[in-house]
């Protein structure tokens, strides 16, 4: 990821997008490993529905 040289909303948005990418990667690990068909089927994963932009994962 390119360094963030801006401040304010751009920095917050960039940080949120980076965080969302990491969360998506982590919750998909059991699926990629073949342990379940959907991340919601894995009993050790929890994702708060209140997190905007991640409900479509």
Protein backbone atom coordinates (compact mmCIF):
# COMPACT_ATOMS: atom_id res chain seq x y z
CA UNK A 1 0.00 0.00 0.00
CA UNK A 2 1.30 3.44 -0.87
CA UNK A 3 2.14 5.74 2.02
CA UNK A 4 -0.65 8.11 2.95
CA UNK A 5 0.48 11.70 2.52
CA UNK A 6 -2.90 13.30 3.10
CA UNK A 7 -4.71 14.14 6.31
CA UNK A 8 -8.34 14.32 7.32
CA UNK A 9 -11.02 12.27 5.59
CA UNK A 10 -8.66 10.82 3.00
CA UNK A 11 -6.44 9.33 5.68
CA UNK A 12 -9.39 7.89 7.60
CA UNK A 13 -10.90 6.43 4.43
CA UNK A 14 -7.60 4.88 3.37
CA UNK A 15 -7.12 3.40 6.84
CA UNK A 16 -10.64 1.96 6.85
CA UNK A 17 -10.18 0.41 3.41
CA UNK A 18 -6.92 -1.18 4.54
CA UNK A 19 -8.56 -2.51 7.70
CA UNK A 20 -11.51 -3.88 5.72
CA UNK A 21 -9.10 -5.72 3.41
CA UNK A 22 -7.36 -7.35 6.37
CA UNK A 23 -10.69 -8.36 7.94
CA UNK A 24 -11.90 -9.88 4.66
CA UNK A 25 -8.65 -11.84 4.35
CA UNK A 26 -8.84 -13.18 7.90
CA UNK A 27 -12.48 -14.26 7.85
CA UNK A 28 -11.98 -16.05 4.53
CA UNK A 29 -9.12 -18.21 5.88
CA UNK A 30 -11.33 -21.15 7.01
CA UNK A 31 -13.12 -21.08 3.65
CA UNK A 32 -9.89 -21.12 1.66
CA UNK A 33 -8.60 -23.95 3.85
CA UNK A 34 -11.71 -25.98 3.03
CA UNK A 35 -12.93 -26.08 6.63
CA UNK A 36 -16.32 -24.55 5.79
CA UNK A 37 -18.26 -23.30 2.78
CA UNK A 38 -18.97 -19.78 4.09
CA UNK A 39 -17.15 -17.77 6.73
CA UNK A 40 -20.36 -17.49 8.76
CA UNK A 41 -20.34 -21.29 9.13
CA UNK A 42 -17.02 -21.18 11.03
CA UNK A 43 -17.88 -21.20 14.77
CA UNK A 44 -14.83 -19.19 15.84
CA UNK A 45 -15.47 -16.13 13.68
CA UNK A 46 -17.55 -13.14 14.67
CA UNK A 47 -18.04 -9.99 12.66
CA UNK A 48 -20.21 -7.20 14.03
CA UNK A 49 -22.91 -6.33 11.55
CA UNK A 50 -22.50 -2.68 12.46
CA UNK A 51 -19.22 -2.42 10.57
CA UNK A 52 -20.09 -0.57 7.36
CA UNK A 53 -18.81 -2.00 4.11
CA UNK A 54 -18.21 -5.49 5.44
CA UNK A 55 -21.74 -6.86 5.33
CA UNK A 56 -21.21 -8.06 1.75
CA UNK A 57 -18.23 -10.27 2.67
